[in-house]
Amino acid sequence: MKLIYVFDAYCGWSYGFARTMADVAHRHPDLPVEVVSGGLFLGGRRVPIRQFGYVRGANAEITRRTGAPFGESYERLIADGEFVMDSEAAACGMAALREVAPDRAVRLAALLQEAFYLDGLSLSETSTYRVVAQRAGLDGDAVEAALDQVSAADDFRRARELGVTGYPTLLADFPGERIVTLVSGNASAEEVERRIGALVS
């Protein structure tokens, strides 16, 4: 069995789920985790963030239910309202980070979201990936070089093939047999543990 974690770096609920995902990965160090980027903000949804009037309320609910904090720099982006979230750029960045350190994809996804939700950094800027690389102890030049080689297309295709349309989604993959949804939305690490246990018992 392996886990497949489908998230969007610009999805607040994915950000809130990061702690659970980290706990699950820590509890199962020998269980492979495939991290896939979805496409929440593409096409006509790439608009100034002020057009998503629900963001502040959703963020308050995310903090209430998961404890995930939102930083002052991010709050300034929300207040200004001009920032445009681009899931394609974020997925490319995640692919570049994953290319350099594939065995650390869960942690890198979390660091990427912290760069946005705590520090207010754009996931469309190369400089952001250098910041994430530094925090992860990776070679920033290698990450920047990978950015020129990757695309979001494979991730988006993989998410579609898996039938995932909402984020975060955590799947249990029994290769050649079946794929089971463990989480669609929010869940605690304990809830995920119970669901995994029910599948392998």
Foldseek 3Di string as FASTA:
>chain_A
DAKEWEAFLPDLLQLLQLVLVVVLCVVCVPHHYHYFYAWPQDDPNQFFQVVVVCVVVVNVVSCVVRVDDFAPLLVVSVVVRGDTAGRFLLLLLLVLVCVQPVSCSSVLSNLSSCCCRHVVDHSNDLVSSLVSCVVVVHDSVSSSVSSVVDGNVVRNVVCVVVVDDAPGWMWDDDPPPDIGTQDGGDDHNVSSVVVVVVVPD
